Amino acid sequence: MRTRERLAALFPWPFVGVAVLLLLLILVTPNLLSSGQPTAGSLSATAEFVVDRVPGSSLTHVYLYGLSTVRYQLLELHISDNVSWPPPAAVRAIHWTNSTNASHALVLAYATAANPVAFNVTALYVDSAGATVTYAGTFEIYYLPPTLYVNDLTAGRQGTTTETISSTSAPLNILLQAE
């Protein structure tokens, strides 16, 4: 048996191909991932609004944070627990009765027993060069067991998302628009 045939038996081509591909990924990946602060407006700086309802609980949990570990200059939640369902045609008809905010934070969390409830959310991001971007949205949430309704009242994005709440249901993740 020739040397080439012996080596081919020990190192089949599919194995060699996968090994070379993995080695290439190991060498290139650190260059693809930025270790610095993302730029304003990039995907890494985008804020997300997350709505979660645990089965059997009387609370709706909401979270405001980034797609990556981004520290926001300001995170704000304005809350209205005196809304009706279906939501009003005009957002300006909603009276914001409560608010919470965080400065230089990664996440803002809030839990409420109000049903329905409306949120006006804002995330202000400032990158290392001083460029800013504001992500915002307005949402009304209503839980009618077993369905959770999230109505996006943001200008240009109106629509309702539903989720049937069960032991396997996942939170609703909504990317916010840059203003």
C-alpha atoms as a PDB file:
ATOM      1  CA  MET A   1       0.000   0.000   0.000  1.00  0.00           C
ATOM      2  CA  ARG A   2       1.392   3.377  -0.986  1.00  0.00           C
ATOM      3  CA  THR A   3       1.874   6.211   1.514  1.00  0.00           C
ATOM      4  CA  ARG A   4      -0.873   8.288  -0.092  1.00  0.00           C
ATOM      5  CA  GLU A   5      -3.403   5.467   0.278  1.00  0.00           C
ATOM      6  CA  ARG A   6      -2.416   4.901   3.927  1.00  0.00           C
ATOM      7  CA  LEU A   7      -2.833   8.616   4.708  1.00  0.00           C
ATOM      8  CA  ALA A   8      -6.187   8.713   2.877  1.00  0.00           C
ATOM      9  CA  ALA A   9      -7.421   5.892   5.117  1.00  0.00           C
ATOM     10  CA  LEU A  10      -6.351   7.789   8.247  1.00  0.00           C
ATOM     11  CA  PHE A  11      -7.529  11.238   7.059  1.00  0.00           C
ATOM     12  CA  PRO A  12     -10.633  10.998   4.822  1.00  0.00           C
ATOM     13  CA  TRP A  13     -11.398  14.111   2.735  1.00  0.00           C
ATOM     14  CA  PRO A  14     -14.614  15.086   4.544  1.00  0.00           C
ATOM     15  CA  PHE A  15     -12.740  15.057   7.868  1.00  0.00           C
ATOM     16  CA  VAL A  16      -9.867  17.102   6.452  1.00  0.00           C
ATOM     17  CA  GLY A  17     -12.293  19.614   4.903  1.00  0.00           C
ATOM     18  CA  VAL A  18     -14.164  20.140   8.166  1.00  0.00           C
ATOM     19  CA  ALA A  19     -10.908  20.468  10.118  1.00  0.00           C
ATOM     20  CA  VAL A  20      -9.578  23.094   7.704  1.00  0.00           C
ATOM     21  CA  LEU A  21     -12.873  25.024   7.835  1.00  0.00           C
ATOM     22  CA  LEU A  22     -12.878  25.002  11.662  1.00  0.00           C
ATOM     23  CA  LEU A  23      -9.278  26.182  11.756  1.00  0.00           C
ATOM     24  CA  LEU A  24     -10.124  29.014   9.371  1.00  0.00           C
ATOM     25  CA  LEU A  25     -13.115  30.055  11.525  1.00  0.00           C
ATOM     26  CA  ILE A  26     -10.970  30.007  14.679  1.00  0.00           C
ATOM     27  CA  LEU A  27      -8.418  32.282  13.039  1.00  0.00           C
ATOM     28  CA  VAL A  28     -10.913  34.711  11.459  1.00  0.00           C
ATOM     29  CA  THR A  29     -13.664  35.006  14.111  1.00  0.00           C
ATOM     30  CA  PRO A  30     -11.827  37.391  16.484  1.00  0.00           C
ATOM     31  CA  ASN A  31     -11.453  39.803  13.576  1.00  0.00           C
ATOM     32  CA  LEU A  32     -15.176  39.650  12.772  1.00  0.00           C
ATOM     33  CA  LEU A  33     -16.302  40.484  16.307  1.00  0.00           C
ATOM     34  CA  SER A  34     -15.726  44.024  17.426  1.00  0.00           C
ATOM     35  CA  SER A  35     -14.452  44.380  20.953  1.00  0.00           C
ATOM     36  CA  GLY A  36     -15.263  48.080  21.083  1.00  0.00           C
ATOM     37  CA  GLN A  37     -18.460  49.996  21.535  1.00  0.00           C
ATOM     38  CA  PRO A  38     -20.834  49.663  18.538  1.00  0.00           C
ATOM     39  CA  THR A  39     -21.582  52.704  16.414  1.00  0.00           C
ATOM     40  CA  ALA A  40     -24.883  54.526  16.729  1.00  0.00           C
ATOM     41  CA  GLY A  41     -27.456  53.033  14.365  1.00  0.00           C
ATOM     42  CA  SER A  42     -25.685  49.674  13.985  1.00  0.00           C
ATOM     43  CA  LEU A  43     -27.486  46.382  14.574  1.00  0.00           C
ATOM     44  CA  SER A  44     -25.531  45.830  17.796  1.00  0.00           C
ATOM     45  CA  ALA A  45     -26.885  49.090  19.247  1.00  0.00           C
ATOM     46  CA  THR A  46     -30.537  48.366  18.358  1.00  0.00           C
ATOM     47  CA  ALA A  47     -32.943  48.309  21.301  1.00  0.00           C
ATOM     48  CA  GLU A  48     -35.560  45.638  21.858  1.00  0.00           C
ATOM     49  CA  PHE A  49     -38.855  45.663  23.771  1.00  0.00           C
ATOM     50  CA  VAL A  50     -39.722  42.288  25.292  1.00  0.00           C
ATOM     51  CA  VAL A  51     -43.170  41.336  26.642  1.00  0.00           C
ATOM     52  CA  ASP A  52     -43.495  38.258  28.841  1.00  0.00           C
ATOM     53  CA  ARG A  53     -46.485  36.717  30.592  1.00  0.00           C
ATOM     54  CA  VAL A  54     -45.971  33.666  32.794  1.00  0.00           C
ATOM     55  CA  PRO A  55     -48.852  31.146  32.719  1.00  0.00           C
ATOM     56  CA  GLY A  56     -50.956  31.361  35.883  1.00  0.00           C
ATOM     57  CA  SER A  57     -49.455  34.708  36.889  1.00  0.00           C
ATOM     58  CA  SER A  58     -51.359  37.958  37.180  1.00  0.00           C
ATOM     59  CA  LEU A  59     -48.314  39.985  36.065  1.00  0.00           C
ATOM     60  CA  THR A  60     -47.086  41.113  32.677  1.00  0.00           C
ATOM     61  CA  HIS A  61     -43.331  41.679  32.578  1.00  0.00           C
ATOM     62  CA  VAL A  62     -41.687  44.018  30.085  1.00  0.00           C
ATOM     63  CA  TYR A  63     -38.004  44.590  29.412  1.00  0.00           C
ATOM     64  CA  LEU A  64     -36.135  47.212  27.420  1.00  0.00           C
ATOM     65  CA  TYR A  65     -32.580  46.333  26.391  1.00  0.00           C
ATOM     66  CA  GLY A  66     -30.210  45.962  23.469  1.00  0.00           C
ATOM     67  CA  LEU A  67     -29.491  43.102  21.114  1.00  0.00           C
ATOM     68  CA  SER A  68     -25.964  42.970  22.509  1.00  0.00           C
ATOM     69  CA  THR A  69     -24.432  44.117  25.771  1.00  0.00           C
ATOM     70  CA  VAL A  70     -24.927  47.810  25.070  1.00  0.00           C
ATOM     71  CA  ARG A  71     -25.104  50.450  27.767  1.00  0.00           C
ATOM     72  CA  TYR A  72     -27.748  53.055  26.937  1.00  0.00           C
ATOM     73  CA  GLN A  73     -27.448  56.678  27.965  1.00  0.00           C
ATOM     74  CA  LEU A  74     -31.137  56.621  28.919  1.00  0.00           C
ATOM     75  CA  LEU A  75     -33.881  53.975  29.046  1.00  0.00           C
ATOM     76  CA  GLU A  76     -37.464  55.161  29.659  1.00  0.00           C
ATOM     77  CA  LEU A  77     -40.822  53.476  30.132  1.00  0.00           C
ATOM     78  CA  HIS A  78     -43.970  55.592  30.301  1.00  0.00           C
ATOM     79  CA  ILE A  79     -46.914  53.541  31.534  1.00  0.00           C
ATOM     80  CA  SER A  80     -50.671  54.002  31.243  1.00  0.00           C
ATOM     81  CA  ASP A  81     -52.873  51.600  33.156  1.00  0.00           C
ATOM     82  CA  ASN A  82     -56.132  53.439  32.413  1.00  0.00           C
ATOM     83  CA  VAL A  83     -56.524  52.383  28.783  1.00  0.00           C
ATOM     84  CA  SER A  84     -59.265  50.369  27.131  1.00  0.00           C
ATOM     85  CA  TRP A  85     -59.177  47.550  24.619  1.00  0.00           C
ATOM     86  CA  PRO A  86     -59.131  47.863  21.667  1.00  0.00           C
ATOM     87  CA  PRO A  87     -56.540  50.658  21.775  1.00  0.00           C
ATOM     88  CA  PRO A  88     -57.493  54.226  20.894  1.00  0.00           C
ATOM     89  CA  ALA A  89     -57.053  55.304  17.285  1.00  0.00           C
ATOM     90  CA  ALA A  90     -54.664  58.102  18.308  1.00  0.00           C
ATOM     91  CA  VAL A  91     -51.712  57.618  20.639  1.00  0.00           C
ATOM     92  CA  ARG A  92     -52.134  61.189  21.878  1.00  0.00           C
ATOM     93  CA  ALA A  93     -55.404  60.044  23.516  1.00  0.00           C
ATOM     94  CA  ILE A  94     -53.400  57.935  25.981  1.00  0.00           C
ATOM     95  CA  HIS A  95     -52.668  59.616  29.322  1.00  0.00           C
ATOM     96  CA  TRP A  96     -49.313  58.414  30.703  1.00  0.00           C
ATOM     97  CA  THR A  97     -49.812  57.992  34.466  1.00  0.00           C
ATOM     98  CA  ASN A  98     -46.483  56.529  35.560  1.00  0.00           C
ATOM     99  CA  SER A  99     -42.896  56.370  34.356  1.00  0.00           C
ATOM    100  CA  THR A 100     -39.603  54.758  35.183  1.00  0.00           C
ATOM    101  CA  ASN A 101     -36.152  55.290  33.737  1.00  0.00           C
ATOM    102  CA  ALA A 102     -32.515  54.311  34.066  1.00  0.00           C
ATOM    103  CA  SER A 103     -29.333  56.149  33.078  1.00  0.00           C
ATOM    104  CA  HIS A 104     -26.215  54.419  31.746  1.00  0.00           C
ATOM    105  CA  ALA A 105     -27.998  51.063  31.991  1.00  0.00           C
ATOM    106  CA  LEU A 106     -28.082  47.751  30.130  1.00  0.00           C
ATOM    107  CA  VAL A 107     -31.718  46.913  30.844  1.00  0.00           C
ATOM    108  CA  LEU A 108     -34.911  48.353  32.270  1.00  0.00           C
ATOM    109  CA  ALA A 109     -37.527  45.935  33.636  1.00  0.00           C
ATOM    110  CA  TYR A 110     -41.084  46.530  34.797  1.00  0.00           C
ATOM    111  CA  ALA A 111     -43.935  44.298  35.975  1.00  0.00           C
ATOM    112  CA  THR A 112     -47.603  45.228  36.195  1.00  0.00           C
ATOM    113  CA  ALA A 113     -50.938  43.618  37.015  1.00  0.00           C
ATOM    114  CA  ALA A 114     -52.802  46.218  34.934  1.00  0.00           C
ATOM    115  CA  ASN A 115     -54.764  44.744  32.052  1.00  0.00           C
ATOM    116  CA  PRO A 116     -54.822  46.295  29.497  1.00  0.00           C
ATOM    117  CA  VAL A 117     -51.724  48.472  29.865  1.00  0.00           C
ATOM    118  CA  ALA A 118     -49.875  50.776  27.458  1.00  0.00           C
ATOM    119  CA  PHE A 119     -46.151  51.549  27.234  1.00  0.00           C
ATOM    120  CA  ASN A 120     -44.249  54.322  25.514  1.00  0.00           C
ATOM    121  CA  VAL A 121     -40.607  53.208  25.416  1.00  0.00           C
ATOM    122  CA  THR A 122     -37.414  55.073  24.564  1.00  0.00           C
ATOM    123  CA  ALA A 123     -33.771  54.012  24.473  1.00  0.00           C
ATOM    124  CA  LEU A 124     -31.108  56.655  23.818  1.00  0.00           C
ATOM    125  CA  TYR A 125     -27.725  55.349  22.691  1.00  0.00           C
ATOM    126  CA  VAL A 126     -24.535  57.423  22.437  1.00  0.00           C
ATOM    127  CA  ASP A 127     -21.441  55.870  20.843  1.00  0.00           C
ATOM    128  CA  SER A 128     -17.801  56.672  21.634  1.00  0.00           C
ATOM    129  CA  ALA A 129     -17.674  59.315  18.855  1.00  0.00           C
ATOM    130  CA  GLY A 130     -20.658  61.141  20.396  1.00  0.00           C
ATOM    131  CA  ALA A 131     -23.169  60.130  17.706  1.00  0.00           C
ATOM    132  CA  THR A 132     -26.631  59.442  19.090  1.00  0.00           C
ATOM    133  CA  VAL A 133     -29.619  57.384  18.072  1.00  0.00           C
ATOM    134  CA  THR A 134     -32.992  57.098  19.796  1.00  0.00           C
ATOM    135  CA  TYR A 135     -35.071  53.930  19.570  1.00  0.00           C
ATOM    136  CA  ALA A 136     -38.740  54.285  20.440  1.00  0.00           C
ATOM    137  CA  GLY A 137     -42.122  52.619  20.283  1.00  0.00           C
ATOM    138  CA  THR A 138     -45.626  52.711  21.741  1.00  0.00           C
ATOM    139  CA  PHE A 139     -47.477  49.517  22.601  1.00  0.00           C
ATOM    140  CA  GLU A 140     -50.717  48.423  24.257  1.00  0.00           C
ATOM    141  CA  ILE A 141     -50.815  45.002  25.891  1.00  0.00           C
ATOM    142  CA  TYR A 142     -53.940  43.027  26.728  1.00  0.00           C
ATOM    143  CA  TYR A 143     -54.215  39.542  28.187  1.00  0.00           C
ATOM    144  CA  LEU A 144     -57.408  37.586  27.563  1.00  0.00           C
ATOM    145  CA  PRO A 145     -56.574  34.030  28.662  1.00  0.00           C
ATOM    146  CA  PRO A 146     -54.974  32.206  27.041  1.00  0.00           C
ATOM    147  CA  THR A 147     -53.977  34.894  24.484  1.00  0.00           C
ATOM    148  CA  LEU A 148     -51.608  37.809  24.963  1.00  0.00           C
ATOM    149  CA  TYR A 149     -52.206  40.693  22.537  1.00  0.00           C
ATOM    150  CA  VAL A 150     -49.508  43.273  21.841  1.00  0.00           C
ATOM    151  CA  ASN A 151     -50.704  46.137  19.677  1.00  0.00           C
ATOM    152  CA  ASP A 152     -47.901  48.232  18.148  1.00  0.00           C
ATOM    153  CA  LEU A 153     -49.124  51.827  18.099  1.00  0.00           C
ATOM    154  CA  THR A 154     -45.835  53.210  16.741  1.00  0.00           C
ATOM    155  CA  ALA A 155     -46.364  55.483  13.729  1.00  0.00           C
ATOM    156  CA  GLY A 156     -45.844  53.488  10.540  1.00  0.00           C
ATOM    157  CA  ARG A 157     -45.809  50.124  12.315  1.00  0.00           C
ATOM    158  CA  GLN A 158     -49.358  49.589  13.516  1.00  0.00           C
ATOM    159  CA  GLY A 159     -50.375  45.990  13.975  1.00  0.00           C
ATOM    160  CA  THR A 160     -51.241  43.383  16.576  1.00  0.00           C
ATOM    161  CA  THR A 161     -49.117  40.405  17.575  1.00  0.00           C
ATOM    162  CA  THR A 162     -50.642  37.528  19.528  1.00  0.00           C
ATOM    163  CA  GLU A 163     -49.137  34.753  21.609  1.00  0.00           C
ATOM    164  CA  THR A 164     -50.989  31.845  23.197  1.00  0.00           C
ATOM    165  CA  ILE A 165     -49.659  31.605  26.730  1.00  0.00           C
ATOM    166  CA  SER A 166     -48.670  28.111  27.806  1.00  0.00           C
ATOM    167  CA  SER A 167     -45.847  26.492  29.752  1.00  0.00           C
ATOM    168  CA  THR A 168     -43.759  26.488  26.545  1.00  0.00           C
ATOM    169  CA  SER A 169     -44.569  29.983  25.270  1.00  0.00           C
ATOM    170  CA  ALA A 170     -41.694  32.357  24.649  1.00  0.00           C
ATOM    171  CA  PRO A 171     -41.627  36.093  25.317  1.00  0.00           C
ATOM    172  CA  LEU A 172     -42.536  38.433  22.456  1.00  0.00           C
ATOM    173  CA  ASN A 173     -39.478  40.310  21.196  1.00  0.00           C
ATOM    174  CA  ILE A 174     -40.057  43.548  19.284  1.00  0.00           C
ATOM    175  CA  LEU A 175     -37.233  45.522  17.674  1.00  0.00           C
ATOM    176  CA  LEU A 176     -37.664  49.252  18.176  1.00  0.00           C
ATOM    177  CA  GLN A 177     -37.471  51.794  15.372  1.00  0.00           C
ATOM    178  CA  ALA A 178     -34.696  54.364  15.232  1.00  0.00           C
ATOM    179  CA  GLU A 179     -36.116  57.866  15.196  1.00  0.00           C
END
